[in-house]
Amino acid sequence: MKVIGLTGGIASGKSTVAGILASLGAKVIDADMIAREIVEPGRPAWEDIKAAFGEEYLRADGTVDRRALGSLVFRDPEAREKLNAITHLRIKEEIVRRLKALHKEDPEGVVVVEAALLLEAGMERTVDEVWVVTAPEEVRLKRLMERDNLSLEEARRRIEAQWPDEKRLKLASRVIDTDKDLAATAQEVEALWRKLRERNTGEG
């Protein structure tokens, strides 16, 4: 089984690329989805978040108020470290568990681990290749402001809280630039997929 670590800064286009890879036959493990699952009410990470940040970061139904917590951790590095300490290990453990299950299910398949913090969390050791998705900062700012209804300052703060692209690119096996239309991005990803299959299975 081949494991691709798909990463990139916030609003770089990772989910778009992951969707294209899924349409080509890859199985996708979405770290953000796992992050949502592990903080569901009653689970250990939820208990830890409630204890660390207080009930003001919970909604009326008991679920974590991700927007309020996100606003806090993107302006307070200490709070961000505290949240990462609660979630990162649990996310990594769940990713490893799913990788083992998928390997058993299809030893010849391709799995994509889509994770914004793949490199920051040291998860590159769990994948065979690192594919980095990039886009110019002004494009990412625009996407982020439109997608999450953020001010320019809030969007910039989220981008600056993560690794700069220069640091990610040093660890990249492949780089995908999404500063173009969807058709061009799809064409680039499909070409990378063909090369991957040729390298590993001899498929054209």
C-alpha atoms as a PDB file:
ATOM      1  CA  MET A   1       0.000   0.000   0.000  1.00  0.00           C
ATOM      2  CA  LYS A   2       1.241   3.461  -0.894  1.00  0.00           C
ATOM      3  CA  VAL A   3       0.535   6.287   1.568  1.00  0.00           C
ATOM      4  CA  ILE A   4       0.581   9.904   0.418  1.00  0.00           C
ATOM      5  CA  GLY A   5       0.675  12.657   3.019  1.00  0.00           C
ATOM      6  CA  LEU A   6      -1.262  15.563   1.511  1.00  0.00           C
ATOM      7  CA  THR A   7      -0.604  18.844   3.259  1.00  0.00           C
ATOM      8  CA  GLY A   8      -0.442  22.582   2.765  1.00  0.00           C
ATOM      9  CA  GLY A   9      -1.431  25.782   4.494  1.00  0.00           C
ATOM     10  CA  ILE A  10      -4.991  26.724   5.319  1.00  0.00           C
ATOM     11  CA  ALA A  11      -7.067  27.495   2.176  1.00  0.00           C
ATOM     12  CA  SER A  12      -4.329  26.194  -0.126  1.00  0.00           C
ATOM     13  CA  GLY A  13      -6.728  23.776  -1.859  1.00  0.00           C
ATOM     14  CA  LYS A  14      -5.959  20.487  -0.061  1.00  0.00           C
ATOM     15  CA  SER A  15      -9.566  19.308   0.003  1.00  0.00           C
ATOM     16  CA  THR A  16      -9.958  19.977  -3.718  1.00  0.00           C
ATOM     17  CA  VAL A  17      -6.833  17.919  -4.466  1.00  0.00           C
ATOM     18  CA  ALA A  18      -7.954  15.161  -2.069  1.00  0.00           C
ATOM     19  CA  GLY A  19     -11.298  15.021  -3.867  1.00  0.00           C
ATOM     20  CA  ILE A  20      -9.579  14.620  -7.242  1.00  0.00           C
ATOM     21  CA  LEU A  21      -7.379  11.833  -5.853  1.00  0.00           C
ATOM     22  CA  ALA A  22     -10.447  10.105  -4.382  1.00  0.00           C
ATOM     23  CA  SER A  23     -12.123  10.220  -7.810  1.00  0.00           C
ATOM     24  CA  LEU A  24      -9.033   8.520  -9.254  1.00  0.00           C
ATOM     25  CA  GLY A  25      -9.282   5.649  -6.778  1.00  0.00           C
ATOM     26  CA  ALA A  26      -7.403   6.731  -3.667  1.00  0.00           C
ATOM     27  CA  LYS A  27      -8.851   6.201  -0.195  1.00  0.00           C
ATOM     28  CA  VAL A  28      -8.737   9.458   1.787  1.00  0.00           C
ATOM     29  CA  ILE A  29      -8.208   9.821   5.532  1.00  0.00           C
ATOM     30  CA  ASP A  30      -9.260  13.353   6.493  1.00  0.00           C
ATOM     31  CA  ALA A  31      -7.426  14.524   9.622  1.00  0.00           C
ATOM     32  CA  ASP A  32      -9.800  17.465  10.072  1.00  0.00           C
ATOM     33  CA  MET A  33     -12.773  15.100  10.130  1.00  0.00           C
ATOM     34  CA  ILE A  34     -10.985  12.973  12.730  1.00  0.00           C
ATOM     35  CA  ALA A  35     -10.289  16.142  14.738  1.00  0.00           C
ATOM     36  CA  ARG A  36     -14.032  16.818  14.779  1.00  0.00           C
ATOM     37  CA  GLU A  37     -14.875  13.252  15.789  1.00  0.00           C
ATOM     38  CA  ILE A  38     -12.455  13.030  18.721  1.00  0.00           C
ATOM     39  CA  VAL A  39     -13.925  16.128  20.393  1.00  0.00           C
ATOM     40  CA  GLU A  40     -17.526  14.919  20.327  1.00  0.00           C
ATOM     41  CA  PRO A  41     -19.293  15.219  23.712  1.00  0.00           C
ATOM     42  CA  GLY A  42     -18.242  12.615  26.252  1.00  0.00           C
ATOM     43  CA  ARG A  43     -15.045  11.596  24.469  1.00  0.00           C
ATOM     44  CA  PRO A  44     -11.697  12.024  26.286  1.00  0.00           C
ATOM     45  CA  ALA A  45     -10.509  14.966  24.158  1.00  0.00           C
ATOM     46  CA  TRP A  46     -13.841  16.735  24.777  1.00  0.00           C
ATOM     47  CA  GLU A  47     -13.392  16.275  28.514  1.00  0.00           C
ATOM     48  CA  ASP A  48      -9.849  17.666  28.275  1.00  0.00           C
ATOM     49  CA  ILE A  49     -10.974  20.695  26.246  1.00  0.00           C
ATOM     50  CA  LYS A  50     -13.752  21.446  28.731  1.00  0.00           C
ATOM     51  CA  ALA A  51     -11.267  21.223  31.607  1.00  0.00           C
ATOM     52  CA  ALA A  52      -8.563  23.270  29.846  1.00  0.00           C
ATOM     53  CA  PHE A  53     -10.669  26.039  28.282  1.00  0.00           C
ATOM     54  CA  GLY A  54     -13.914  26.124  30.248  1.00  0.00           C
ATOM     55  CA  GLU A  55     -17.549  25.632  29.350  1.00  0.00           C
ATOM     56  CA  GLU A  56     -17.692  28.984  27.528  1.00  0.00           C
ATOM     57  CA  TYR A  57     -16.136  27.147  24.575  1.00  0.00           C
ATOM     58  CA  LEU A  58     -19.015  24.685  24.418  1.00  0.00           C
ATOM     59  CA  ARG A  59     -22.308  25.288  22.610  1.00  0.00           C
ATOM     60  CA  ALA A  60     -25.692  24.880  24.297  1.00  0.00           C
ATOM     61  CA  ASP A  61     -25.874  21.269  23.035  1.00  0.00           C
ATOM     62  CA  GLY A  62     -22.501  20.483  24.610  1.00  0.00           C
ATOM     63  CA  THR A  63     -20.507  20.343  21.376  1.00  0.00           C
ATOM     64  CA  VAL A  64     -17.241  22.282  21.095  1.00  0.00           C
ATOM     65  CA  ASP A  65     -17.720  25.781  19.687  1.00  0.00           C
ATOM     66  CA  ARG A  66     -15.062  25.415  16.999  1.00  0.00           C
ATOM     67  CA  ARG A  67     -15.359  28.991  15.800  1.00  0.00           C
ATOM     68  CA  ALA A  68     -14.855  30.479  19.269  1.00  0.00           C
ATOM     69  CA  LEU A  69     -12.047  28.068  20.107  1.00  0.00           C
ATOM     70  CA  GLY A  70     -10.429  28.697  16.724  1.00  0.00           C
ATOM     71  CA  SER A  71     -10.572  32.445  17.301  1.00  0.00           C
ATOM     72  CA  LEU A  72      -8.790  31.936  20.635  1.00  0.00           C
ATOM     73  CA  VAL A  73      -6.044  29.574  19.508  1.00  0.00           C
ATOM     74  CA  PHE A  74      -5.168  31.570  16.396  1.00  0.00           C
ATOM     75  CA  ARG A  75      -4.466  34.677  18.472  1.00  0.00           C
ATOM     76  CA  ASP A  76      -2.929  32.960  21.518  1.00  0.00           C
ATOM     77  CA  PRO A  77       0.070  30.643  20.860  1.00  0.00           C
ATOM     78  CA  GLU A  78      -0.089  29.225  24.392  1.00  0.00           C
ATOM     79  CA  ALA A  79      -3.737  28.238  23.950  1.00  0.00           C
ATOM     80  CA  ARG A  80      -2.863  26.722  20.556  1.00  0.00           C
ATOM     81  CA  GLU A  81      -0.133  24.591  22.123  1.00  0.00           C
ATOM     82  CA  LYS A  82      -2.554  23.473  24.826  1.00  0.00           C
ATOM     83  CA  LEU A  83      -5.153  22.424  22.245  1.00  0.00           C
ATOM     84  CA  ASN A  84      -2.540  20.667  20.090  1.00  0.00           C
ATOM     85  CA  ALA A  85      -1.349  18.728  23.137  1.00  0.00           C
ATOM     86  CA  ILE A  86      -4.914  17.501  23.660  1.00  0.00           C
ATOM     87  CA  THR A  87      -5.669  16.585  20.048  1.00  0.00           C
ATOM     88  CA  HIS A  88      -2.525  15.782  18.038  1.00  0.00           C
ATOM     89  CA  LEU A  89      -1.609  12.458  19.614  1.00  0.00           C
ATOM     90  CA  ARG A  90      -5.190  11.214  19.437  1.00  0.00           C
ATOM     91  CA  ILE A  91      -5.473  12.249  15.786  1.00  0.00           C
ATOM     92  CA  LYS A  92      -2.198  10.470  14.943  1.00  0.00           C
ATOM     93  CA  GLU A  93      -3.323   7.306  16.739  1.00  0.00           C
ATOM     94  CA  GLU A  94      -6.611   7.247  14.810  1.00  0.00           C
ATOM     95  CA  ILE A  95      -4.819   7.835  11.486  1.00  0.00           C
ATOM     96  CA  VAL A  96      -2.458   4.921  12.197  1.00  0.00           C
ATOM     97  CA  ARG A  97      -5.415   2.711  13.164  1.00  0.00           C
ATOM     98  CA  ARG A  98      -7.197   3.540   9.882  1.00  0.00           C
ATOM     99  CA  LEU A  99      -4.033   2.993   7.832  1.00  0.00           C
ATOM    100  CA  LYS A 100      -3.661  -0.497   9.303  1.00  0.00           C
ATOM    101  CA  ALA A 101      -7.299  -1.314   8.522  1.00  0.00           C
ATOM    102  CA  LEU A 102      -6.980  -0.047   4.935  1.00  0.00           C
ATOM    103  CA  HIS A 103      -3.757  -1.995   4.415  1.00  0.00           C
ATOM    104  CA  LYS A 104      -5.544  -5.159   5.459  1.00  0.00           C
ATOM    105  CA  GLU A 105      -8.451  -4.318   3.146  1.00  0.00           C
ATOM    106  CA  ASP A 106      -6.355  -3.431   0.066  1.00  0.00           C
ATOM    107  CA  PRO A 107      -2.581  -3.998   0.331  1.00  0.00           C
ATOM    108  CA  GLU A 108      -2.045  -2.675  -3.214  1.00  0.00           C
ATOM    109  CA  GLY A 109      -4.136   0.473  -2.819  1.00  0.00           C
ATOM    110  CA  VAL A 110      -3.229   4.138  -2.434  1.00  0.00           C
ATOM    111  CA  VAL A 111      -4.220   6.037   0.692  1.00  0.00           C
ATOM    112  CA  VAL A 112      -4.116   9.813   1.055  1.00  0.00           C
ATOM    113  CA  VAL A 113      -3.731  11.287   4.534  1.00  0.00           C
ATOM    114  CA  GLU A 114      -5.063  14.837   4.190  1.00  0.00           C
ATOM    115  CA  ALA A 115      -3.708  16.871   7.102  1.00  0.00           C
ATOM    116  CA  ALA A 116      -2.926  20.585   7.365  1.00  0.00           C
ATOM    117  CA  LEU A 117      -0.522  19.929  10.243  1.00  0.00           C
ATOM    118  CA  LEU A 118       1.005  16.730   8.867  1.00  0.00           C
ATOM    119  CA  LEU A 119       4.548  18.120   9.085  1.00  0.00           C
ATOM    120  CA  GLU A 120       4.089  20.259  12.189  1.00  0.00           C
ATOM    121  CA  ALA A 121       2.835  17.169  14.030  1.00  0.00           C
ATOM    122  CA  GLY A 122       5.717  15.000  12.792  1.00  0.00           C
ATOM    123  CA  MET A 123       3.407  12.687  10.850  1.00  0.00           C
ATOM    124  CA  GLU A 124       5.633  12.583   7.772  1.00  0.00           C
ATOM    125  CA  ARG A 125       7.123   9.409   9.251  1.00  0.00           C
ATOM    126  CA  THR A 126       3.781   7.631   8.772  1.00  0.00           C
ATOM    127  CA  VAL A 127       3.617   8.306   4.994  1.00  0.00           C
ATOM    128  CA  ASP A 128       5.670   7.291   1.940  1.00  0.00           C
ATOM    129  CA  GLU A 129       5.516  10.608   0.097  1.00  0.00           C
ATOM    130  CA  VAL A 130       4.646  14.190   1.064  1.00  0.00           C
ATOM    131  CA  TRP A 131       2.583  16.124  -1.470  1.00  0.00           C
ATOM    132  CA  VAL A 132       2.391  19.831  -0.668  1.00  0.00           C
ATOM    133  CA  VAL A 133      -0.460  21.962  -2.008  1.00  0.00           C
ATOM    134  CA  THR A 134       0.371  25.642  -2.450  1.00  0.00           C
ATOM    135  CA  ALA A 135      -1.224  28.893  -3.551  1.00  0.00           C
ATOM    136  CA  PRO A 136      -0.060  32.514  -3.249  1.00  0.00           C
ATOM    137  CA  GLU A 137      -0.852  34.127   0.103  1.00  0.00           C
ATOM    138  CA  GLU A 138      -3.195  36.714  -1.432  1.00  0.00           C
ATOM    139  CA  VAL A 139      -5.221  33.908  -3.035  1.00  0.00           C
ATOM    140  CA  ARG A 140      -5.403  32.001   0.252  1.00  0.00           C
ATOM    141  CA  LEU A 141      -6.435  35.143   2.145  1.00  0.00           C
ATOM    142  CA  LYS A 142      -9.265  35.758  -0.317  1.00  0.00           C
ATOM    143  CA  ARG A 143     -10.425  32.121  -0.147  1.00  0.00           C
ATOM    144  CA  LEU A 144     -10.289  32.107   3.649  1.00  0.00           C
ATOM    145  CA  MET A 145     -12.194  35.370   4.050  1.00  0.00           C
ATOM    146  CA  GLU A 146     -14.926  34.159   1.688  1.00  0.00           C
ATOM    147  CA  ARG A 147     -15.092  30.591   3.000  1.00  0.00           C
ATOM    148  CA  ASP A 148     -15.090  31.306   6.733  1.00  0.00           C
ATOM    149  CA  ASN A 149     -16.479  34.855   6.708  1.00  0.00           C
ATOM    150  CA  LEU A 150     -13.322  36.250   8.341  1.00  0.00           C
ATOM    151  CA  SER A 151     -11.812  39.705   8.387  1.00  0.00           C
ATOM    152  CA  LEU A 152      -8.483  40.228   6.641  1.00  0.00           C
ATOM    153  CA  GLU A 153      -6.751  40.364  10.031  1.00  0.00           C
ATOM    154  CA  GLU A 154      -8.357  37.108  11.205  1.00  0.00           C
ATOM    155  CA  ALA A 155      -7.481  35.341   7.951  1.00  0.00           C
ATOM    156  CA  ARG A 156      -3.884  36.574   8.089  1.00  0.00           C
ATOM    157  CA  ARG A 157      -3.579  35.410  11.707  1.00  0.00           C
ATOM    158  CA  ARG A 158      -4.654  31.879  10.743  1.00  0.00           C
ATOM    159  CA  ILE A 159      -2.126  31.723   7.908  1.00  0.00           C
ATOM    160  CA  GLU A 160       0.684  33.063  10.087  1.00  0.00           C
ATOM    161  CA  ALA A 161      -0.076  30.506  12.825  1.00  0.00           C
ATOM    162  CA  GLN A 162       1.039  27.698  10.491  1.00  0.00           C
ATOM    163  CA  TRP A 163       4.353  26.850   8.895  1.00  0.00           C
ATOM    164  CA  PRO A 164       5.323  29.028   5.923  1.00  0.00           C
ATOM    165  CA  ASP A 165       5.328  27.271   2.548  1.00  0.00           C
ATOM    166  CA  GLU A 166       9.132  27.581   2.315  1.00  0.00           C
ATOM    167  CA  LYS A 167       9.445  25.222   5.289  1.00  0.00           C
ATOM    168  CA  ARG A 168       6.929  22.710   3.935  1.00  0.00           C
ATOM    169  CA  LEU A 169       8.498  22.670   0.482  1.00  0.00           C
ATOM    170  CA  LYS A 170      11.811  21.466   1.904  1.00  0.00           C
ATOM    171  CA  LEU A 171      10.053  18.221   2.895  1.00  0.00           C
ATOM    172  CA  ALA A 172       7.919  17.867  -0.240  1.00  0.00           C
ATOM    173  CA  SER A 173       8.130  14.898  -2.600  1.00  0.00           C
ATOM    174  CA  ARG A 174       5.676  16.605  -4.973  1.00  0.00           C
ATOM    175  CA  VAL A 175       4.241  20.142  -5.163  1.00  0.00           C
ATOM    176  CA  ILE A 176       0.782  21.057  -6.503  1.00  0.00           C
ATOM    177  CA  ASP A 177       0.035  24.730  -7.196  1.00  0.00           C
ATOM    178  CA  THR A 178      -3.713  25.502  -7.119  1.00  0.00           C
ATOM    179  CA  ASP A 179      -3.415  29.095  -8.349  1.00  0.00           C
ATOM    180  CA  LYS A 180      -5.273  28.188 -11.528  1.00  0.00           C
ATOM    181  CA  ASP A 181      -8.674  26.902 -12.552  1.00  0.00           C
ATOM    182  CA  LEU A 182     -10.033  23.569 -11.373  1.00  0.00           C
ATOM    183  CA  ALA A 183      -9.512  21.867 -14.729  1.00  0.00           C
ATOM    184  CA  ALA A 184      -5.800  22.740 -14.727  1.00  0.00           C
ATOM    185  CA  THR A 185      -5.410  21.558 -11.129  1.00  0.00           C
ATOM    186  CA  ALA A 186      -7.192  18.297 -11.971  1.00  0.00           C
ATOM    187  CA  GLN A 187      -4.890  17.795 -14.959  1.00  0.00           C
ATOM    188  CA  GLU A 188      -1.806  18.296 -12.766  1.00  0.00           C
ATOM    189  CA  VAL A 189      -3.068  15.902 -10.080  1.00  0.00           C
ATOM    190  CA  GLU A 190      -4.019  13.271 -12.678  1.00  0.00           C
ATOM    191  CA  ALA A 191      -0.503  13.446 -14.152  1.00  0.00           C
ATOM    192  CA  LEU A 192       1.025  12.934 -10.693  1.00  0.00           C
ATOM    193  CA  TRP A 193      -1.352  10.018 -10.095  1.00  0.00           C
ATOM    194  CA  ARG A 194      -0.331   8.320 -13.345  1.00  0.00           C
ATOM    195  CA  LYS A 195       3.350   8.678 -12.441  1.00  0.00           C
ATOM    196  CA  LEU A 196       2.668   7.293  -8.957  1.00  0.00           C
ATOM    197  CA  ARG A 197       0.900   4.236 -10.362  1.00  0.00           C
ATOM    198  CA  GLU A 198       3.641   3.702 -12.942  1.00  0.00           C
ATOM    199  CA  ARG A 199       6.325   3.868 -10.262  1.00  0.00           C
ATOM    200  CA  ASN A 200       4.568   1.508  -7.895  1.00  0.00           C
ATOM    201  CA  THR A 201       2.337  -0.861  -9.845  1.00  0.00           C
ATOM    202  CA  GLY A 202       3.324  -0.510 -13.480  1.00  0.00           C
ATOM    203  CA  GLU A 203      -0.148   0.777 -14.346  1.00  0.00           C
ATOM    204  CA  GLY A 204      -0.451   3.371 -17.078  1.00  0.00           C
END
